[in-house]
PDB file of N, CA and C in Angstrom:
ATOM      1  N   MET A   1     -18.225  23.223 -15.067  1.00  0.00           N
ATOM      2  CA  MET A   1     -19.143  22.542 -15.964  1.00  0.00           C
ATOM      3  C   MET A   1     -18.794  22.954 -17.394  1.00  0.00           C
ATOM      4  N   SER A   2     -18.676  21.998 -18.270  1.00  0.00           N
ATOM      5  CA  SER A   2     -18.372  22.291 -19.675  1.00  0.00           C
ATOM      6  C   SER A   2     -19.647  22.681 -20.412  1.00  0.00           C
ATOM      7  N   GLN A   3     -19.489  23.211 -21.622  1.00  0.00           N
ATOM      8  CA  GLN A   3     -20.641  23.638 -22.402  1.00  0.00           C
ATOM      9  C   GLN A   3     -21.499  22.463 -22.846  1.00  0.00           C
ATOM     10  N   ASP A   4     -20.924  21.246 -22.878  1.00  0.00           N
ATOM     11  CA  ASP A   4     -21.664  20.064 -23.318  1.00  0.00           C
ATOM     12  C   ASP A   4     -22.644  19.554 -22.266  1.00  0.00           C
ATOM     13  N   GLU A   5     -22.413  19.910 -21.012  1.00  0.00           N
ATOM     14  CA  GLU A   5     -23.250  19.393 -19.928  1.00  0.00           C
ATOM     15  C   GLU A   5     -24.529  20.212 -19.803  1.00  0.00           C
ATOM     16  N   THR A   6     -25.663  19.531 -19.790  1.00  0.00           N
ATOM     17  CA  THR A   6     -26.947  20.190 -19.602  1.00  0.00           C
ATOM     18  C   THR A   6     -27.270  20.186 -18.109  1.00  0.00           C
ATOM     19  N   PRO A   7     -27.541  21.349 -17.529  1.00  0.00           N
ATOM     20  CA  PRO A   7     -27.865  21.387 -16.103  1.00  0.00           C
ATOM     21  C   PRO A   7     -29.131  20.577 -15.802  1.00  0.00           C
ATOM     22  N   VAL A   8     -29.173  19.999 -14.631  1.00  0.00           N
ATOM     23  CA  VAL A   8     -30.333  19.249 -14.168  1.00  0.00           C
ATOM     24  C   VAL A   8     -30.831  19.933 -12.898  1.00  0.00           C
ATOM     25  N   VAL A   9     -32.129  20.197 -12.845  1.00  0.00           N
ATOM     26  CA  VAL A   9     -32.754  20.805 -11.667  1.00  0.00           C
ATOM     27  C   VAL A   9     -33.829  19.860 -11.149  1.00  0.00           C
ATOM     28  N   ASN A  10     -34.253  20.074  -9.919  1.00  0.00           N
ATOM     29  CA  ASN A  10     -35.349  19.289  -9.354  1.00  0.00           C
ATOM     30  C   ASN A  10     -36.656  20.036  -9.536  1.00  0.00           C
ATOM     31  N   CYS A  11     -37.695  19.329  -9.928  1.00  0.00           N
ATOM     32  CA  CYS A  11     -39.032  19.916 -10.047  1.00  0.00           C
ATOM     33  C   CYS A  11     -39.423  20.475  -8.683  1.00  0.00           C
ATOM     34  N   PRO A  12     -39.838  21.739  -8.613  1.00  0.00           N
ATOM     35  CA  PRO A  12     -40.208  22.330  -7.329  1.00  0.00           C
ATOM     36  C   PRO A  12     -41.404  21.651  -6.650  1.00  0.00           C
ATOM     37  N   THR A  13     -42.222  20.952  -7.425  1.00  0.00           N
ATOM     38  CA  THR A  13     -43.418  20.327  -6.872  1.00  0.00           C
ATOM     39  C   THR A  13     -43.157  18.912  -6.383  1.00  0.00           C
ATOM     40  N   CYS A  14     -42.569  18.076  -7.245  1.00  0.00           N
ATOM     41  CA  CYS A  14     -42.418  16.660  -6.890  1.00  0.00           C
ATOM     42  C   CYS A  14     -40.978  16.216  -6.664  1.00  0.00           C
ATOM     43  N   GLY A  15     -40.012  17.047  -7.066  1.00  0.00           N
ATOM     44  CA  GLY A  15     -38.613  16.717  -6.854  1.00  0.00           C
ATOM     45  C   GLY A  15     -37.966  15.890  -7.949  1.00  0.00           C
ATOM     46  N   LYS A  16     -38.708  15.524  -8.978  1.00  0.00           N
ATOM     47  CA  LYS A  16     -38.163  14.738 -10.089  1.00  0.00           C
ATOM     48  C   LYS A  16     -37.097  15.542 -10.828  1.00  0.00           C
ATOM     49  N   SER A  17     -36.050  14.885 -11.316  1.00  0.00           N
ATOM     50  CA  SER A  17     -34.981  15.547 -12.062  1.00  0.00           C
ATOM     51  C   SER A  17     -35.491  16.017 -13.421  1.00  0.00           C
ATOM     52  N   VAL A  18     -35.112  17.243 -13.782  1.00  0.00           N
ATOM     53  CA  VAL A  18     -35.544  17.853 -15.041  1.00  0.00           C
ATOM     54  C   VAL A  18     -34.318  18.434 -15.734  1.00  0.00           C
ATOM     55  N   LEU A  19     -34.100  18.068 -17.001  1.00  0.00           N
ATOM     56  CA  LEU A  19     -33.025  18.678 -17.780  1.00  0.00           C
ATOM     57  C   LEU A  19     -33.396  20.123 -18.086  1.00  0.00           C
ATOM     58  N   TRP A  20     -32.441  21.035 -17.922  1.00  0.00           N
ATOM     59  CA  TRP A  20     -32.700  22.451 -18.194  1.00  0.00           C
ATOM     60  C   TRP A  20     -32.290  22.763 -19.632  1.00  0.00           C
ATOM     61  N   ASN A  21     -33.171  22.418 -20.559  1.00  0.00           N
ATOM     62  CA  ASN A  21     -32.940  22.725 -21.973  1.00  0.00           C
ATOM     63  C   ASN A  21     -34.280  22.846 -22.686  1.00  0.00           C
ATOM     64  N   GLU A  22     -34.237  23.117 -23.970  1.00  0.00           N
ATOM     65  CA  GLU A  22     -35.452  23.359 -24.745  1.00  0.00           C
ATOM     66  C   GLU A  22     -36.381  22.152 -24.816  1.00  0.00           C
ATOM     67  N   SER A  23     -35.850  20.962 -24.626  1.00  0.00           N
ATOM     68  CA  SER A  23     -36.696  19.768 -24.702  1.00  0.00           C
ATOM     69  C   SER A  23     -37.588  19.615 -23.466  1.00  0.00           C
ATOM     70  N   SER A  24     -37.262  20.332 -22.398  1.00  0.00           N
ATOM     71  CA  SER A  24     -38.072  20.284 -21.173  1.00  0.00           C
ATOM     72  C   SER A  24     -39.092  21.407 -21.238  1.00  0.00           C
ATOM     73  N   ARG A  25     -40.235  21.103 -21.785  1.00  0.00           N
ATOM     74  CA  ARG A  25     -41.263  22.099 -22.094  1.00  0.00           C
ATOM     75  C   ARG A  25     -41.743  22.886 -20.873  1.00  0.00           C
ATOM     76  N   TYR A  26     -41.821  22.256 -19.714  1.00  0.00           N
ATOM     77  CA  TYR A  26     -42.406  22.897 -18.528  1.00  0.00           C
ATOM     78  C   TYR A  26     -41.360  23.313 -17.501  1.00  0.00           C
ATOM     79  N   ARG A  27     -40.077  23.332 -17.884  1.00  0.00           N
ATOM     80  CA  ARG A  27     -39.027  23.615 -16.912  1.00  0.00           C
ATOM     81  C   ARG A  27     -39.301  24.881 -16.138  1.00  0.00           C
ATOM     82  N   PRO A  28     -39.090  24.950 -14.864  1.00  0.00           N
ATOM     83  CA  PRO A  28     -38.384  23.991 -14.024  1.00  0.00           C
ATOM     84  C   PRO A  28     -39.252  22.824 -13.556  1.00  0.00           C
ATOM     85  N   PHE A  29     -40.491  22.778 -13.998  1.00  0.00           N
ATOM     86  CA  PHE A  29     -41.386  21.688 -13.602  1.00  0.00           C
ATOM     87  C   PHE A  29     -41.204  20.506 -14.546  1.00  0.00           C
ATOM     88  N   CYS A  30     -41.558  19.314 -14.061  1.00  0.00           N
ATOM     89  CA  CYS A  30     -41.409  18.120 -14.903  1.00  0.00           C
ATOM     90  C   CYS A  30     -42.622  17.925 -15.810  1.00  0.00           C
ATOM     91  N   SER A  31     -43.752  18.537 -15.474  1.00  0.00           N
ATOM     92  CA  SER A  31     -44.971  18.321 -16.259  1.00  0.00           C
ATOM     93  C   SER A  31     -45.929  19.496 -16.089  1.00  0.00           C
ATOM     94  N   ASP A  32     -46.927  19.528 -16.937  1.00  0.00           N
ATOM     95  CA  ASP A  32     -47.977  20.543 -16.821  1.00  0.00           C
ATOM     96  C   ASP A  32     -48.724  20.390 -15.499  1.00  0.00           C
ATOM     97  N   ARG A  33     -48.921  19.149 -15.068  1.00  0.00           N
ATOM     98  CA  ARG A  33     -49.609  18.877 -13.797  1.00  0.00           C
ATOM     99  C   ARG A  33     -48.873  19.543 -12.631  1.00  0.00           C
ATOM    100  N   CYS A  34     -47.556  19.343 -12.547  1.00  0.00           N
ATOM    101  CA  CYS A  34     -46.782  19.943 -11.455  1.00  0.00           C
ATOM    102  C   CYS A  34     -46.812  21.467 -11.541  1.00  0.00           C
ATOM    103  N   LYS A  35     -46.769  22.013 -12.756  1.00  0.00           N
ATOM    104  CA  LYS A  35     -46.839  23.461 -12.940  1.00  0.00           C
ATOM    105  C   LYS A  35     -48.172  24.003 -12.416  1.00  0.00           C
ATOM    106  N   LEU A  36     -49.268  23.321 -12.722  1.00  0.00           N
ATOM    107  CA  LEU A  36     -50.591  23.771 -12.283  1.00  0.00           C
ATOM    108  C   LEU A  36     -50.787  23.607 -10.779  1.00  0.00           C
ATOM    109  N   ILE A  37     -50.212  22.568 -10.203  1.00  0.00           N
ATOM    110  CA  ILE A  37     -50.274  22.404  -8.745  1.00  0.00           C
ATOM    111  C   ILE A  37     -49.594  23.591  -8.071  1.00  0.00           C
ATOM    112  N   ASP A  38     -48.404  23.967  -8.568  1.00  0.00           N
ATOM    113  CA  ASP A  38     -47.669  25.099  -8.012  1.00  0.00           C
ATOM    114  C   ASP A  38     -48.463  26.399  -8.167  1.00  0.00           C
ATOM    115  N   LEU A  39     -49.033  26.617  -9.348  1.00  0.00           N
ATOM    116  CA  LEU A  39     -49.843  27.819  -9.586  1.00  0.00           C
ATOM    117  C   LEU A  39     -51.022  27.872  -8.621  1.00  0.00           C
ATOM    118  N   GLY A  40     -51.685  26.738  -8.405  1.00  0.00           N
ATOM    119  CA  GLY A  40     -52.802  26.687  -7.474  1.00  0.00           C
ATOM    120  C   GLY A  40     -52.403  27.013  -6.047  1.00  0.00           C
ATOM    121  N   GLU A  41     -51.213  26.583  -5.641  1.00  0.00           N
ATOM    122  CA  GLU A  41     -50.732  26.889  -4.295  1.00  0.00           C
ATOM    123  C   GLU A  41     -50.493  28.387  -4.134  1.00  0.00           C
ATOM    124  N   TRP A  42     -49.948  29.034  -5.162  1.00  0.00           N
ATOM    125  CA  TRP A  42     -49.761  30.484  -5.097  1.00  0.00           C
ATOM    126  C   TRP A  42     -51.112  31.200  -5.078  1.00  0.00           C
ATOM    127  N   ALA A  43     -52.054  30.749  -5.920  1.00  0.00           N
ATOM    128  CA  ALA A  43     -53.376  31.384  -5.996  1.00  0.00           C
ATOM    129  C   ALA A  43     -54.134  31.253  -4.680  1.00  0.00           C
ATOM    130  N   ALA A  44     -53.951  30.127  -3.987  1.00  0.00           N
ATOM    131  CA  ALA A  44     -54.616  29.909  -2.707  1.00  0.00           C
ATOM    132  C   ALA A  44     -53.842  30.540  -1.547  1.00  0.00           C
ATOM    133  N   GLU A  45     -52.771  31.259  -1.868  1.00  0.00           N
ATOM    134  CA  GLU A  45     -51.907  31.916  -0.890  1.00  0.00           C
ATOM    135  C   GLU A  45     -51.291  30.935   0.099  1.00  0.00           C
ATOM    136  N   GLU A  46     -51.065  29.682  -0.362  1.00  0.00           N
ATOM    137  CA  GLU A  46     -50.350  28.706   0.450  1.00  0.00           C
ATOM    138  C   GLU A  46     -48.853  28.972   0.395  1.00  0.00           C
ATOM    139  N   LYS A  47     -48.410  29.662  -0.650  1.00  0.00           N
ATOM    140  CA  LYS A  47     -47.021  30.071  -0.801  1.00  0.00           C
ATOM    141  C   LYS A  47     -46.990  31.585  -0.824  1.00  0.00           C
ATOM    142  N   VAL A  48     -46.006  32.173  -0.170  1.00  0.00           N
ATOM    143  CA  VAL A  48     -45.858  33.630  -0.156  1.00  0.00           C
ATOM    144  C   VAL A  48     -44.376  33.974  -0.196  1.00  0.00           C
ATOM    145  N   ILE A  49     -44.076  35.166  -0.639  1.00  0.00           N
ATOM    146  CA  ILE A  49     -42.731  35.707  -0.565  1.00  0.00           C
ATOM    147  C   ILE A  49     -42.734  36.700   0.583  1.00  0.00           C
ATOM    148  N   GLN A  50     -41.893  36.448   1.560  1.00  0.00           N
ATOM    149  CA  GLN A  50     -41.851  37.309   2.736  1.00  0.00           C
ATOM    150  C   GLN A  50     -41.357  38.698   2.355  1.00  0.00           C
ATOM    151  N   GLY A  51     -41.909  39.702   2.977  1.00  0.00           N
ATOM    152  CA  GLY A  51     -41.508  41.077   2.724  1.00  0.00           C
ATOM    153  C   GLY A  51     -41.999  41.949   3.861  1.00  0.00           C
ATOM    154  N   SER A  52     -41.818  43.228   3.711  1.00  0.00           N
ATOM    155  CA  SER A  52     -42.274  44.141   4.747  1.00  0.00           C
ATOM    156  C   SER A  52     -43.799  44.247   4.698  1.00  0.00           C
ATOM    157  N   GLN A  53     -44.383  44.532   5.848  1.00  0.00           N
ATOM    158  CA  GLN A  53     -45.834  44.632   5.950  1.00  0.00           C
ATOM    159  C   GLN A  53     -46.302  45.904   5.255  1.00  0.00           C
ATOM    160  N   LEU A  54     -47.368  45.814   4.515  1.00  0.00           N
ATOM    161  CA  LEU A  54     -47.951  46.973   3.855  1.00  0.00           C
ATOM    162  C   LEU A  54     -48.809  47.754   4.827  1.00  0.00           C
ATOM    163  N   LEU A  55     -48.986  49.031   4.561  1.00  0.00           N
ATOM    164  CA  LEU A  55     -49.841  49.859   5.407  1.00  0.00           C
ATOM    165  C   LEU A  55     -51.295  49.436   5.242  1.00  0.00           C
ATOM    166  N   SER A  56     -52.041  49.543   6.317  1.00  0.00           N
ATOM    167  CA  SER A  56     -53.462  49.218   6.260  1.00  0.00           C
ATOM    168  C   SER A  56     -54.281  50.440   6.665  1.00  0.00           C
ATOM    169  N   ASP A  57     -55.586  50.326   6.610  1.00  0.00           N
ATOM    170  CA  ASP A  57     -56.475  51.433   6.992  1.00  0.00           C
ATOM    171  C   ASP A  57     -56.322  51.805   8.466  1.00  0.00           C
ATOM    172  N   ARG A  58     -55.850  50.884   9.284  1.00  0.00           N
ATOM    173  CA  ARG A  58     -55.715  51.155  10.720  1.00  0.00           C
ATOM    174  C   ARG A  58     -54.400  51.825  11.074  1.00  0.00           C
ATOM    175  N   ASP A  59     -53.504  52.024  10.123  1.00  0.00           N
ATOM    176  CA  ASP A  59     -52.226  52.664  10.407  1.00  0.00           C
ATOM    177  C   ASP A  59     -52.426  54.144  10.691  1.00  0.00           C
ATOM    178  N   GLU A  60     -51.352  54.830  11.004  1.00  0.00           N
ATOM    179  CA  GLU A  60     -51.402  56.222  11.449  1.00  0.00           C
ATOM    180  C   GLU A  60     -52.049  57.170  10.457  1.00  0.00           C
ATOM    181  N   TRP A  61     -51.961  56.887   9.172  1.00  0.00           N
ATOM    182  CA  TRP A  61     -52.503  57.824   8.199  1.00  0.00           C
ATOM    183  C   TRP A  61     -53.415  57.117   7.216  1.00  0.00           C
ATOM    184  N   SER A  62     -54.268  57.886   6.644  1.00  0.00           N
ATOM    185  CA  SER A  62     -55.095  57.427   5.535  1.00  0.00           C
ATOM    186  C   SER A  62     -55.510  58.664   4.752  1.00  0.00           C
ATOM    187  N   GLU A  63     -56.081  58.460   3.597  1.00  0.00           N
ATOM    188  CA  GLU A  63     -56.483  59.607   2.774  1.00  0.00           C
ATOM    189  C   GLU A  63     -57.578  60.428   3.435  1.00  0.00           C
ATOM    190  N   GLY A  64     -58.392  59.823   4.260  1.00  0.00           N
ATOM    191  CA  GLY A  64     -59.517  60.523   4.858  1.00  0.00           C
ATOM    192  C   GLY A  64     -59.177  61.304   6.113  1.00  0.00           C
ATOM    193  N   SER A  65     -58.015  61.155   6.664  1.00  0.00           N
ATOM    194  CA  SER A  65     -57.688  61.859   7.899  1.00  0.00           C
ATOM    195  C   SER A  65     -56.723  62.997   7.617  1.00  0.00           C
ATOM    196  N   SER A  66     -56.838  64.035   8.413  1.00  0.00           N
ATOM    197  CA  SER A  66     -55.904  65.147   8.301  1.00  0.00           C
ATOM    198  C   SER A  66     -55.572  65.612   9.697  1.00  0.00           C
ATOM    199  N   LYS A  67     -54.428  66.225   9.850  1.00  0.00           N
ATOM    200  CA  LYS A  67     -53.972  66.699  11.163  1.00  0.00           C
ATOM    201  C   LYS A  67     -54.199  68.186  11.307  1.00  0.00           C
ATOM    202  N   ASP A  68     -54.929  68.795  10.389  1.00  0.00           N
ATOM    203  CA  ASP A  68     -55.177  70.249  10.431  1.00  0.00           C
ATOM    204  C   ASP A  68     -56.262  70.569  11.414  1.00  0.00           C
TER     205      ASP A  68
END
């Protein structure tokens, strides 16, 4: 790709093509609406990043238990 070519990405919400440059105010989203839809999905925990499970109160240790 030459320096003259502006990359084009797909909006993560609707799939519309978006130029990746300063004129695309909401990049990688095509609009404020798509950006807010995505934010709402994360806030509602409809989207997650997979990772290792965190320890819970039912695990082997907690601050209140001791083996002494």
